[in-house]
Amino acid sequence: MAEALRSSMEEKQNKFAMSVTYFTLRKSEVLDLFFGVRNEKKEAYDFGVAFFCHEADLSSANPKTDISFTYEQSITGLGPGEIAVLPLTITMADTAKPTEYRCLANISTTAPDVIGGKYASKAFVITVPNP
């Protein structure tokens, strides 16, 4: 799956991609997938990575605690044109509500002589079905 994502990013020239962007997870379920970042800059850069859910259709759901993400929070020294593909684990809490959660992946740039800024972002949806 990691090599397929890398090939897709090379072909489409994406700055950021995930192997899945709309999926269903049941309570207590864990999903392992990949995300990739391509450096479009003319020099090596460090990138900050953040995944989070910020909204749910059901008002009693708590996106900040119902879903957790495990991933590398930084990519160091990615050279020009290089692609880093890294694992991402998404864990649904056993207390999650059956609803749709809206989530974001934000990638920011950092370099010794540059103030960090937004590099790429991607919205995605996680659905928790009724049991």
C-alpha atoms as a PDB file:
ATOM      1  CA  MET A   1       0.000   0.000   0.000  1.00  0.00           C
ATOM      2  CA  ALA A   2       2.888   2.411   0.758  1.00  0.00           C
ATOM      3  CA  GLU A   3       4.469   1.939  -2.663  1.00  0.00           C
ATOM      4  CA  ALA A   4       1.093   2.393  -4.385  1.00  0.00           C
ATOM      5  CA  LEU A   5       0.667   5.722  -2.579  1.00  0.00           C
ATOM      6  CA  ARG A   6       4.195   6.801  -3.536  1.00  0.00           C
ATOM      7  CA  SER A   7       3.574   5.902  -7.203  1.00  0.00           C
ATOM      8  CA  SER A   8       0.279   7.772  -7.210  1.00  0.00           C
ATOM      9  CA  MET A   9       1.919  10.869  -5.720  1.00  0.00           C
ATOM     10  CA  GLU A  10       4.693  10.766  -8.317  1.00  0.00           C
ATOM     11  CA  GLU A  11       2.174  10.422 -11.141  1.00  0.00           C
ATOM     12  CA  LYS A  12      -0.243  13.105  -9.901  1.00  0.00           C
ATOM     13  CA  GLN A  13       2.437  15.410  -8.440  1.00  0.00           C
ATOM     14  CA  ASN A  14       0.523  15.708  -5.143  1.00  0.00           C
ATOM     15  CA  LYS A  15       2.120  17.614  -2.257  1.00  0.00           C
ATOM     16  CA  PHE A  16       0.140  15.511   0.217  1.00  0.00           C
ATOM     17  CA  ALA A  17      -1.941  12.353  -0.047  1.00  0.00           C
ATOM     18  CA  MET A  18      -3.517   9.660   2.098  1.00  0.00           C
ATOM     19  CA  SER A  19      -4.146   6.071   1.024  1.00  0.00           C
ATOM     20  CA  VAL A  20      -7.817   6.476   2.115  1.00  0.00           C
ATOM     21  CA  THR A  21      -9.847   9.667   2.663  1.00  0.00           C
ATOM     22  CA  TYR A  22     -13.368   8.368   3.324  1.00  0.00           C
ATOM     23  CA  PHE A  23     -13.916   5.273   5.396  1.00  0.00           C
ATOM     24  CA  THR A  24     -15.992   3.534   8.028  1.00  0.00           C
ATOM     25  CA  LEU A  25     -14.682   2.492  11.445  1.00  0.00           C
ATOM     26  CA  ARG A  26     -16.671   0.710  14.134  1.00  0.00           C
ATOM     27  CA  LYS A  27     -16.301   1.478  17.832  1.00  0.00           C
ATOM     28  CA  SER A  28     -12.936   0.235  19.188  1.00  0.00           C
ATOM     29  CA  GLU A  29     -11.684  -0.481  15.658  1.00  0.00           C
ATOM     30  CA  VAL A  30      -8.135   0.348  14.538  1.00  0.00           C
ATOM     31  CA  LEU A  31      -7.143   1.206  10.963  1.00  0.00           C
ATOM     32  CA  ASP A  32      -3.578   1.284   9.655  1.00  0.00           C
ATOM     33  CA  LEU A  33      -2.937   3.272   6.497  1.00  0.00           C
ATOM     34  CA  PHE A  34      -0.330   5.624   4.995  1.00  0.00           C
ATOM     35  CA  PHE A  35       0.138   9.280   4.211  1.00  0.00           C
ATOM     36  CA  GLY A  36       2.731  10.942   2.018  1.00  0.00           C
ATOM     37  CA  VAL A  37       4.353  14.354   1.676  1.00  0.00           C
ATOM     38  CA  ARG A  38       6.273  15.528  -1.401  1.00  0.00           C
ATOM     39  CA  ASN A  39       8.695  18.442  -1.115  1.00  0.00           C
ATOM     40  CA  GLU A  40       7.975  20.901  -3.944  1.00  0.00           C
ATOM     41  CA  LYS A  41      10.530  23.382  -2.599  1.00  0.00           C
ATOM     42  CA  LYS A  42      13.923  23.947  -4.203  1.00  0.00           C
ATOM     43  CA  GLU A  43      15.776  23.012  -1.013  1.00  0.00           C
ATOM     44  CA  ALA A  44      15.462  20.518   1.825  1.00  0.00           C
ATOM     45  CA  TYR A  45      12.720  21.295   4.318  1.00  0.00           C
ATOM     46  CA  ASP A  46      11.338  19.985   7.569  1.00  0.00           C
ATOM     47  CA  PHE A  47       7.586  19.435   7.723  1.00  0.00           C
ATOM     48  CA  GLY A  48       5.221  19.387  10.674  1.00  0.00           C
ATOM     49  CA  VAL A  49       2.264  17.005  10.524  1.00  0.00           C
ATOM     50  CA  ALA A  50      -1.060  17.190  12.375  1.00  0.00           C
ATOM     51  CA  PHE A  51      -4.145  14.961  12.113  1.00  0.00           C
ATOM     52  CA  PHE A  52      -7.323  15.780  14.027  1.00  0.00           C
ATOM     53  CA  CYS A  53     -11.104  15.634  13.892  1.00  0.00           C
ATOM     54  CA  HIS A  54     -12.939  18.887  14.502  1.00  0.00           C
ATOM     55  CA  GLU A  55     -16.640  18.283  13.874  1.00  0.00           C
ATOM     56  CA  ALA A  56     -19.319  15.591  13.986  1.00  0.00           C
ATOM     57  CA  ASP A  57     -22.883  15.456  12.685  1.00  0.00           C
ATOM     58  CA  LEU A  58     -24.181  14.310  16.067  1.00  0.00           C
ATOM     59  CA  SER A  59     -23.880  17.044  18.694  1.00  0.00           C
ATOM     60  CA  SER A  60     -23.248  14.561  21.534  1.00  0.00           C
ATOM     61  CA  ALA A  61     -20.165  13.158  19.755  1.00  0.00           C
ATOM     62  CA  ASN A  62     -16.748  14.416  20.837  1.00  0.00           C
ATOM     63  CA  PRO A  63     -14.405  14.442  17.823  1.00  0.00           C
ATOM     64  CA  LYS A  64     -11.363  15.342  19.938  1.00  0.00           C
ATOM     65  CA  THR A  65     -11.620  12.237  22.135  1.00  0.00           C
ATOM     66  CA  ASP A  66     -13.619   9.745  20.033  1.00  0.00           C
ATOM     67  CA  ILE A  67     -10.824   9.351  17.480  1.00  0.00           C
ATOM     68  CA  SER A  68      -7.086   9.200  18.050  1.00  0.00           C
ATOM     69  CA  PHE A  69      -4.269   9.340  15.527  1.00  0.00           C
ATOM     70  CA  THR A  70      -0.788   7.838  15.884  1.00  0.00           C
ATOM     71  CA  TYR A  71       1.853   9.105  13.446  1.00  0.00           C
ATOM     72  CA  GLU A  72       5.215  10.845  13.089  1.00  0.00           C
ATOM     73  CA  GLN A  73       4.606  14.522  13.835  1.00  0.00           C
ATOM     74  CA  SER A  74       7.570  15.745  11.825  1.00  0.00           C
ATOM     75  CA  ILE A  75       9.499  14.921   8.693  1.00  0.00           C
ATOM     76  CA  THR A  76      13.099  16.110   8.803  1.00  0.00           C
ATOM     77  CA  GLY A  77      15.331  17.078   5.884  1.00  0.00           C
ATOM     78  CA  LEU A  78      13.071  16.062   3.001  1.00  0.00           C
ATOM     79  CA  GLY A  79      15.022  16.958  -0.129  1.00  0.00           C
ATOM     80  CA  PRO A  80      13.650  18.707  -3.225  1.00  0.00           C
ATOM     81  CA  GLY A  81      11.277  16.419  -5.123  1.00  0.00           C
ATOM     82  CA  GLU A  82      11.533  13.687  -2.482  1.00  0.00           C
ATOM     83  CA  ILE A  83       8.466  11.890  -1.156  1.00  0.00           C
ATOM     84  CA  ALA A  84       8.149  10.607   2.408  1.00  0.00           C
ATOM     85  CA  VAL A  85       5.489   7.913   2.945  1.00  0.00           C
ATOM     86  CA  LEU A  86       4.716   7.205   6.592  1.00  0.00           C
ATOM     87  CA  PRO A  87       2.280   5.032   8.565  1.00  0.00           C
ATOM     88  CA  LEU A  88      -0.844   6.430  10.183  1.00  0.00           C
ATOM     89  CA  THR A  89      -2.930   4.534  12.738  1.00  0.00           C
ATOM     90  CA  ILE A  90      -6.478   5.669  13.473  1.00  0.00           C
ATOM     91  CA  THR A  91      -8.176   4.319  16.595  1.00  0.00           C
ATOM     92  CA  MET A  92     -11.878   4.704  17.287  1.00  0.00           C
ATOM     93  CA  ALA A  93     -12.825   4.896  20.976  1.00  0.00           C
ATOM     94  CA  ASP A  94     -15.346   2.430  22.355  1.00  0.00           C
ATOM     95  CA  THR A  95     -17.410   5.469  23.410  1.00  0.00           C
ATOM     96  CA  ALA A  96     -17.635   6.902  19.867  1.00  0.00           C
ATOM     97  CA  LYS A  97     -21.106   7.798  18.644  1.00  0.00           C
ATOM     98  CA  PRO A  98     -22.574   6.522  15.374  1.00  0.00           C
ATOM     99  CA  THR A  99     -22.127   9.583  13.157  1.00  0.00           C
ATOM    100  CA  GLU A 100     -19.848  11.189  10.583  1.00  0.00           C
ATOM    101  CA  TYR A 101     -16.691  12.872  11.855  1.00  0.00           C
ATOM    102  CA  ARG A 102     -15.002  15.560   9.777  1.00  0.00           C
ATOM    103  CA  CYS A 103     -11.245  15.516  10.076  1.00  0.00           C
ATOM    104  CA  LEU A 104      -8.213  17.364   8.738  1.00  0.00           C
ATOM    105  CA  ALA A 105      -4.612  16.647   7.966  1.00  0.00           C
ATOM    106  CA  ASN A 106      -2.415  19.760   8.068  1.00  0.00           C
ATOM    107  CA  ILE A 107       1.151  19.875   6.811  1.00  0.00           C
ATOM    108  CA  SER A 108       3.316  22.881   7.650  1.00  0.00           C
ATOM    109  CA  THR A 109       6.825  23.838   6.551  1.00  0.00           C
ATOM    110  CA  THR A 110       9.729  24.657   8.750  1.00  0.00           C
ATOM    111  CA  ALA A 111      13.295  25.484   7.817  1.00  0.00           C
ATOM    112  CA  PRO A 112      16.154  27.139   9.741  1.00  0.00           C
ATOM    113  CA  ASP A 113      15.689  30.487   7.967  1.00  0.00           C
ATOM    114  CA  VAL A 114      11.939  30.356   7.263  1.00  0.00           C
ATOM    115  CA  ILE A 115       8.983  30.856   9.575  1.00  0.00           C
ATOM    116  CA  GLY A 116       6.684  27.810   9.418  1.00  0.00           C
ATOM    117  CA  GLY A 117       3.596  28.085   7.282  1.00  0.00           C
ATOM    118  CA  LYS A 118       0.785  26.040   5.800  1.00  0.00           C
ATOM    119  CA  TYR A 119       2.062  23.732   3.087  1.00  0.00           C
ATOM    120  CA  ALA A 120      -0.879  21.409   2.427  1.00  0.00           C
ATOM    121  CA  SER A 121      -4.105  20.219   3.981  1.00  0.00           C
ATOM    122  CA  LYS A 122      -6.645  17.518   3.284  1.00  0.00           C
ATOM    123  CA  ALA A 123     -10.150  17.055   4.624  1.00  0.00           C
ATOM    124  CA  PHE A 124     -11.450  13.544   5.213  1.00  0.00           C
ATOM    125  CA  VAL A 125     -14.482  11.870   6.757  1.00  0.00           C
ATOM    126  CA  ILE A 126     -14.706   8.953   9.180  1.00  0.00           C
ATOM    127  CA  THR A 127     -18.103   7.299   9.571  1.00  0.00           C
ATOM    128  CA  VAL A 128     -19.050   5.285  12.640  1.00  0.00           C
ATOM    129  CA  PRO A 129     -22.043   3.083  11.728  1.00  0.00           C
ATOM    130  CA  ASN A 130     -24.884   2.049  14.014  1.00  0.00           C
ATOM    131  CA  PRO A 131     -24.037  -1.268  15.702  1.00  0.00           C
END
